[in-house]
Amino acid sequence: RVFLNRRRLEEARQLLQTSRVPLAEIARQTGFSDLPHFNRAFKAEFQTPPETYRRNLRQEISVI
């Protein structure tokens, strides 16, 4: 189960990096039943909420 969750979260992270799909849709596409659960799991794995992760990526890109 841990492996599966990590795989799903890694897929979600890639979608955050490469698309503008809404967070709720990313959660659904990667197998999470609801957005709050996805947010908690993502933060536990990557130490930042998915919305913040995406926002930080955009800031890094705009600086380059």
PDB file of N, CA and C in Angstrom:
ATOM      1  N   ARG A   1       0.822  -1.210   0.000  1.00  0.00           N
ATOM      2  CA  ARG A   1       0.000   0.000   0.000  1.00  0.00           C
ATOM      3  C   ARG A   1       0.861   1.268   0.000  1.00  0.00           C
ATOM      4  N   VAL A   2       1.948   1.254   0.750  1.00  0.00           N
ATOM      5  CA  VAL A   2       2.836   2.417   0.796  1.00  0.00           C
ATOM      6  C   VAL A   2       3.421   2.680  -0.587  1.00  0.00           C
ATOM      7  N   PHE A   3       3.855   1.622  -1.257  1.00  0.00           N
ATOM      8  CA  PHE A   3       4.405   1.774  -2.600  1.00  0.00           C
ATOM      9  C   PHE A   3       3.378   2.378  -3.542  1.00  0.00           C
ATOM     10  N   LEU A   4       2.150   1.898  -3.482  1.00  0.00           N
ATOM     11  CA  LEU A   4       1.087   2.394  -4.355  1.00  0.00           C
ATOM     12  C   LEU A   4       0.828   3.877  -4.098  1.00  0.00           C
ATOM     13  N   ASN A   5       0.749   4.271  -2.830  1.00  0.00           N
ATOM     14  CA  ASN A   5       0.532   5.689  -2.511  1.00  0.00           C
ATOM     15  C   ASN A   5       1.677   6.553  -3.027  1.00  0.00           C
ATOM     16  N   ARG A   6       2.909   6.094  -2.857  1.00  0.00           N
ATOM     17  CA  ARG A   6       4.048   6.868  -3.354  1.00  0.00           C
ATOM     18  C   ARG A   6       3.997   6.996  -4.868  1.00  0.00           C
ATOM     19  N   ARG A   7       3.630   5.937  -5.536  1.00  0.00           N
ATOM     20  CA  ARG A   7       3.528   5.973  -6.999  1.00  0.00           C
ATOM     21  C   ARG A   7       2.449   6.961  -7.444  1.00  0.00           C
ATOM     22  N   ARG A   8       1.309   6.941  -6.774  1.00  0.00           N
ATOM     23  CA  ARG A   8       0.219   7.856  -7.110  1.00  0.00           C
ATOM     24  C   ARG A   8       0.630   9.299  -6.856  1.00  0.00           C
ATOM     25  N   LEU A   9       1.319   9.529  -5.736  1.00  0.00           N
ATOM     26  CA  LEU A   9       1.758  10.884  -5.419  1.00  0.00           C
ATOM     27  C   LEU A   9       2.835  11.377  -6.389  1.00  0.00           C
ATOM     28  N   GLU A  10       3.698  10.492  -6.825  1.00  0.00           N
ATOM     29  CA  GLU A  10       4.711  10.869  -7.814  1.00  0.00           C
ATOM     30  C   GLU A  10       4.034  11.227  -9.136  1.00  0.00           C
ATOM     31  N   GLU A  11       3.026  10.484  -9.511  1.00  0.00           N
ATOM     32  CA  GLU A  11       2.269  10.808 -10.723  1.00  0.00           C
ATOM     33  C   GLU A  11       1.592  12.171 -10.573  1.00  0.00           C
ATOM     34  N   ALA A  12       1.032  12.429  -9.401  1.00  0.00           N
ATOM     35  CA  ALA A  12       0.394  13.723  -9.146  1.00  0.00           C
ATOM     36  C   ALA A  12       1.422  14.851  -9.233  1.00  0.00           C
ATOM     37  N   ARG A  13       2.590  14.620  -8.701  1.00  0.00           N
ATOM     38  CA  ARG A  13       3.638  15.652  -8.747  1.00  0.00           C
ATOM     39  C   ARG A  13       4.024  15.962 -10.198  1.00  0.00           C
ATOM     40  N   GLN A  14       4.118  14.938 -11.014  1.00  0.00           N
ATOM     41  CA  GLN A  14       4.423  15.149 -12.428  1.00  0.00           C
ATOM     42  C   GLN A  14       3.317  15.941 -13.122  1.00  0.00           C
ATOM     43  N   LEU A  15       2.063  15.642 -12.798  1.00  0.00           N
ATOM     44  CA  LEU A  15       0.950  16.393 -13.380  1.00  0.00           C
ATOM     45  C   LEU A  15       0.985  17.853 -12.933  1.00  0.00           C
ATOM     46  N   LEU A  16       1.341  18.092 -11.691  1.00  0.00           N
ATOM     47  CA  LEU A  16       1.464  19.472 -11.211  1.00  0.00           C
ATOM     48  C   LEU A  16       2.548  20.221 -11.971  1.00  0.00           C
ATOM     49  N   GLN A  17       3.601  19.523 -12.344  1.00  0.00           N
ATOM     50  CA  GLN A  17       4.720  20.149 -13.046  1.00  0.00           C
ATOM     51  C   GLN A  17       4.405  20.410 -14.513  1.00  0.00           C
ATOM     52  N   THR A  18       3.562  19.582 -15.113  1.00  0.00           N
ATOM     53  CA  THR A  18       3.423  19.614 -16.570  1.00  0.00           C
ATOM     54  C   THR A  18       2.053  20.042 -17.066  1.00  0.00           C
ATOM     55  N   SER A  19       1.115  20.305 -16.180  1.00  0.00           N
ATOM     56  CA  SER A  19      -0.231  20.656 -16.645  1.00  0.00           C
ATOM     57  C   SER A  19      -0.829  21.750 -15.777  1.00  0.00           C
ATOM     58  N   ARG A  20      -1.931  22.258 -16.251  1.00  0.00           N
ATOM     59  CA  ARG A  20      -2.700  23.239 -15.481  1.00  0.00           C
ATOM     60  C   ARG A  20      -4.033  22.640 -15.023  1.00  0.00           C
ATOM     61  N   VAL A  21      -4.092  21.338 -14.983  1.00  0.00           N
ATOM     62  CA  VAL A  21      -5.289  20.634 -14.540  1.00  0.00           C
ATOM     63  C   VAL A  21      -5.563  21.021 -13.083  1.00  0.00           C
ATOM     64  N   PRO A  22      -6.820  21.299 -12.734  1.00  0.00           N
ATOM     65  CA  PRO A  22      -7.140  21.655 -11.345  1.00  0.00           C
ATOM     66  C   PRO A  22      -6.737  20.547 -10.361  1.00  0.00           C
ATOM     67  N   LEU A  23      -6.421  20.955  -9.144  1.00  0.00           N
ATOM     68  CA  LEU A  23      -5.978  20.004  -8.130  1.00  0.00           C
ATOM     69  C   LEU A  23      -6.991  18.883  -7.903  1.00  0.00           C
ATOM     70  N   ALA A  24      -8.264  19.221  -7.866  1.00  0.00           N
ATOM     71  CA  ALA A  24      -9.286  18.194  -7.634  1.00  0.00           C
ATOM     72  C   ALA A  24      -9.262  17.144  -8.742  1.00  0.00           C
ATOM     73  N   GLU A  25      -9.007  17.566  -9.957  1.00  0.00           N
ATOM     74  CA  GLU A  25      -8.942  16.633 -11.080  1.00  0.00           C
ATOM     75  C   GLU A  25      -7.681  15.778 -10.998  1.00  0.00           C
ATOM     76  N   ILE A  26      -6.569  16.370 -10.594  1.00  0.00           N
ATOM     77  CA  ILE A  26      -5.341  15.596 -10.407  1.00  0.00           C
ATOM     78  C   ILE A  26      -5.558  14.552  -9.318  1.00  0.00           C
ATOM     79  N   ALA A  27      -6.185  14.952  -8.239  1.00  0.00           N
ATOM     80  CA  ALA A  27      -6.471  14.000  -7.158  1.00  0.00           C
ATOM     81  C   ALA A  27      -7.308  12.841  -7.694  1.00  0.00           C
ATOM     82  N   ARG A  28      -8.342  13.154  -8.442  1.00  0.00           N
ATOM     83  CA  ARG A  28      -9.213  12.116  -8.977  1.00  0.00           C
ATOM     84  C   ARG A  28      -8.459  11.210  -9.946  1.00  0.00           C
ATOM     85  N   GLN A  29      -7.680  11.812 -10.839  1.00  0.00           N
ATOM     86  CA  GLN A  29      -6.942  11.035 -11.836  1.00  0.00           C
ATOM     87  C   GLN A  29      -5.925  10.097 -11.208  1.00  0.00           C
ATOM     88  N   THR A  30      -5.403  10.466 -10.065  1.00  0.00           N
ATOM     89  CA  THR A  30      -4.377   9.648  -9.424  1.00  0.00           C
ATOM     90  C   THR A  30      -4.934   8.742  -8.328  1.00  0.00           C
ATOM     91  N   GLY A  31      -6.253   8.676  -8.247  1.00  0.00           N
ATOM     92  CA  GLY A  31      -6.885   7.674  -7.388  1.00  0.00           C
ATOM     93  C   GLY A  31      -7.243   8.109  -5.986  1.00  0.00           C
ATOM     94  N   PHE A  32      -7.212   9.389  -5.706  1.00  0.00           N
ATOM     95  CA  PHE A  32      -7.607   9.864  -4.380  1.00  0.00           C
ATOM     96  C   PHE A  32      -9.089  10.195  -4.395  1.00  0.00           C
ATOM     97  N   SER A  33      -9.781   9.786  -3.370  1.00  0.00           N
ATOM     98  CA  SER A  33     -11.239   9.918  -3.341  1.00  0.00           C
ATOM     99  C   SER A  33     -11.706  11.343  -3.074  1.00  0.00           C
ATOM    100  N   ASP A  34     -10.887  12.131  -2.397  1.00  0.00           N
ATOM    101  CA  ASP A  34     -11.284  13.518  -2.141  1.00  0.00           C
ATOM    102  C   ASP A  34     -10.053  14.409  -2.017  1.00  0.00           C
ATOM    103  N   LEU A  35     -10.270  15.676  -2.241  1.00  0.00           N
ATOM    104  CA  LEU A  35      -9.177  16.647  -2.263  1.00  0.00           C
ATOM    105  C   LEU A  35      -8.478  16.801  -0.906  1.00  0.00           C
ATOM    106  N   PRO A  36      -9.202  16.875   0.210  1.00  0.00           N
ATOM    107  CA  PRO A  36      -8.485  17.000   1.493  1.00  0.00           C
ATOM    108  C   PRO A  36      -7.534  15.823   1.764  1.00  0.00           C
ATOM    109  N   HIS A  37      -7.957  14.624   1.429  1.00  0.00           N
ATOM    110  CA  HIS A  37      -7.090  13.451   1.615  1.00  0.00           C
ATOM    111  C   HIS A  37      -5.847  13.564   0.720  1.00  0.00           C
ATOM    112  N   PHE A  38      -6.043  13.965  -0.526  1.00  0.00           N
ATOM    113  CA  PHE A  38      -4.923  14.168  -1.452  1.00  0.00           C
ATOM    114  C   PHE A  38      -3.963  15.224  -0.902  1.00  0.00           C
ATOM    115  N   ASN A  39      -4.496  16.346  -0.434  1.00  0.00           N
ATOM    116  CA  ASN A  39      -3.654  17.418   0.113  1.00  0.00           C
ATOM    117  C   ASN A  39      -2.802  16.918   1.271  1.00  0.00           C
ATOM    118  N   ARG A  40      -3.412  16.182   2.196  1.00  0.00           N
ATOM    119  CA  ARG A  40      -2.673  15.661   3.359  1.00  0.00           C
ATOM    120  C   ARG A  40      -1.582  14.677   2.933  1.00  0.00           C
ATOM    121  N   ALA A  41      -1.938  13.765   2.028  1.00  0.00           N
ATOM    122  CA  ALA A  41      -0.970  12.759   1.583  1.00  0.00           C
ATOM    123  C   ALA A  41       0.194  13.414   0.838  1.00  0.00           C
ATOM    124  N   PHE A  42      -0.103  14.381  -0.025  1.00  0.00           N
ATOM    125  CA  PHE A  42       0.940  15.072  -0.786  1.00  0.00           C
ATOM    126  C   PHE A  42       1.874  15.818   0.169  1.00  0.00           C
ATOM    127  N   LYS A  43       1.307  16.513   1.123  1.00  0.00           N
ATOM    128  CA  LYS A  43       2.128  17.265   2.078  1.00  0.00           C
ATOM    129  C   LYS A  43       2.994  16.326   2.918  1.00  0.00           C
ATOM    130  N   ALA A  44       2.447  15.197   3.311  1.00  0.00           N
ATOM    131  CA  ALA A  44       3.218  14.234   4.098  1.00  0.00           C
ATOM    132  C   ALA A  44       4.400  13.684   3.291  1.00  0.00           C
ATOM    133  N   GLU A  45       4.200  13.482   2.003  1.00  0.00           N
ATOM    134  CA  GLU A  45       5.253  12.908   1.156  1.00  0.00           C
ATOM    135  C   GLU A  45       6.290  13.941   0.734  1.00  0.00           C
ATOM    136  N   PHE A  46       5.851  15.160   0.386  1.00  0.00           N
ATOM    137  CA  PHE A  46       6.753  16.153  -0.203  1.00  0.00           C
ATOM    138  C   PHE A  46       6.971  17.389   0.666  1.00  0.00           C
ATOM    139  N   GLN A  47       6.439  17.402   1.887  1.00  0.00           N
ATOM    140  CA  GLN A  47       6.615  18.480   2.861  1.00  0.00           C
ATOM    141  C   GLN A  47       6.063  19.826   2.399  1.00  0.00           C
ATOM    142  N   THR A  48       5.161  19.807   1.441  1.00  0.00           N
ATOM    143  CA  THR A  48       4.493  21.029   1.001  1.00  0.00           C
ATOM    144  C   THR A  48       3.147  20.656   0.384  1.00  0.00           C
ATOM    145  N   PRO A  49       2.133  21.460   0.584  1.00  0.00           N
ATOM    146  CA  PRO A  49       0.836  21.166  -0.048  1.00  0.00           C
ATOM    147  C   PRO A  49       0.949  21.269  -1.572  1.00  0.00           C
ATOM    148  N   PRO A  50       0.121  20.552  -2.302  1.00  0.00           N
ATOM    149  CA  PRO A  50       0.221  20.578  -3.765  1.00  0.00           C
ATOM    150  C   PRO A  50       0.029  21.960  -4.373  1.00  0.00           C
ATOM    151  N   GLU A  51      -0.840  22.762  -3.829  1.00  0.00           N
ATOM    152  CA  GLU A  51      -1.048  24.113  -4.371  1.00  0.00           C
ATOM    153  C   GLU A  51       0.219  24.955  -4.231  1.00  0.00           C
ATOM    154  N   THR A  52       0.866  24.862  -3.084  1.00  0.00           N
ATOM    155  CA  THR A  52       2.113  25.592  -2.860  1.00  0.00           C
ATOM    156  C   THR A  52       3.216  25.060  -3.766  1.00  0.00           C
ATOM    157  N   TYR A  53       3.268  23.753  -3.923  1.00  0.00           N
ATOM    158  CA  TYR A  53       4.253  23.141  -4.809  1.00  0.00           C
ATOM    159  C   TYR A  53       4.115  23.698  -6.221  1.00  0.00           C
ATOM    160  N   ARG A  54       2.892  23.734  -6.727  1.00  0.00           N
ATOM    161  CA  ARG A  54       2.652  24.244  -8.080  1.00  0.00           C
ATOM    162  C   ARG A  54       3.002  25.735  -8.178  1.00  0.00           C
ATOM    163  N   ARG A  55       2.603  26.512  -7.184  1.00  0.00           N
ATOM    164  CA  ARG A  55       2.890  27.950  -7.193  1.00  0.00           C
ATOM    165  C   ARG A  55       4.402  28.195  -7.189  1.00  0.00           C
ATOM    166  N   ASN A  56       5.144  27.434  -6.386  1.00  0.00           N
ATOM    167  CA  ASN A  56       6.601  27.588  -6.332  1.00  0.00           C
ATOM    168  C   ASN A  56       7.247  27.235  -7.669  1.00  0.00           C
ATOM    169  N   LEU A  57       6.719  26.233  -8.353  1.00  0.00           N
ATOM    170  CA  LEU A  57       7.231  25.881  -9.677  1.00  0.00           C
ATOM    171  C   LEU A  57       7.053  27.039 -10.646  1.00  0.00           C
ATOM    172  N   ARG A  58       5.897  27.639 -10.626  1.00  0.00           N
ATOM    173  CA  ARG A  58       5.628  28.764 -11.523  1.00  0.00           C
ATOM    174  C   ARG A  58       6.570  29.933 -11.234  1.00  0.00           C
ATOM    175  N   GLN A  59       6.840  30.185  -9.965  1.00  0.00           N
ATOM    176  CA  GLN A  59       7.747  31.280  -9.602  1.00  0.00           C
ATOM    177  C   GLN A  59       9.153  30.995 -10.076  1.00  0.00           C
ATOM    178  N   GLU A  60       9.591  29.739  -9.940  1.00  0.00           N
ATOM    179  CA  GLU A  60      10.928  29.367 -10.403  1.00  0.00           C
ATOM    180  C   GLU A  60      11.044  29.552 -11.906  1.00  0.00           C
ATOM    181  N   ILE A  61      10.021  29.162 -12.634  1.00  0.00           N
ATOM    182  CA  ILE A  61      10.038  29.279 -14.086  1.00  0.00           C
ATOM    183  C   ILE A  61      10.072  30.747 -14.517  1.00  0.00           C
ATOM    184  N   SER A  62       9.308  31.578 -13.818  1.00  0.00           N
ATOM    185  CA  SER A  62       9.260  32.995 -14.211  1.00  0.00           C
ATOM    186  C   SER A  62      10.572  33.716 -13.912  1.00  0.00           C
ATOM    187  N   VAL A  63      11.349  33.217 -12.978  1.00  0.00           N
ATOM    188  CA  VAL A  63      12.640  33.821 -12.642  1.00  0.00           C
ATOM    189  C   VAL A  63      13.676  33.481 -13.698  1.00  0.00           C
ATOM    190  N   ILE A  64      13.562  32.324 -14.281  1.00  0.00           N
ATOM    191  CA  ILE A  64      14.547  31.853 -15.280  1.00  0.00           C
ATOM    192  C   ILE A  64      14.435  32.598 -16.543  1.00  0.00           C
TER     193      ILE A  64
END
